[in-house]
Amino acid sequence: MIRLPWLWRLIILAGLALPGCMGTAHSADRPSLTVMTMNMFTGTNFEELVAAQDLAELQAAVAVTVKKVVDSDPAERATAMAAEIARQAPALVGLQEASILTSLPASGPPVVEEDLVQALLDALQARGMQYGIVSEETGLNIPRPPPRAMSN
């Protein structure tokens, strides 16, 4: 038996359930639905953070990760993605790796450093397009370790 990721099963089921909505041929008696999927890659796979074994490695990993994210220019990518979405005007957009990058200061509440979804929504709104979040799933959450766990 071939096991398919849930997303592909969903796409296959949608294709079976909505045969008139698939493809580019349209007729007056068949409604159509345009969907799009995009990967919002953050610029890093966070491997440095996951591999950190002590506080010094964690601090170095954070610096490397932040540099990768900044170098990937999330705002510019969100603008380019918004342009593509505006060009296609899909009814539904599925996003992967739509990250919210949050820092945890030594004291005080978490600080959102980059919210890739909000950047995309803002870029779409600037183009006069209104999209909203229908559903979201947390895939990877790397919390700050307790102080005793990361002692030098």
Foldseek 3Di string as FASTA:
>chain_A
DDDDPPVVVVVVVCCVVQVLADDDDHDPVGDHFFEEEDELDQQDPLPQCVPDQADVSNVVSVVVSVVSNVVVPLLVVLLVVLVVCVVRVGPYYHYHPQDFDWDDDPDDDIDTPDGSVVSNQVSNVVVVDHDDDDDDDDDDDDDDDDPVRRHD
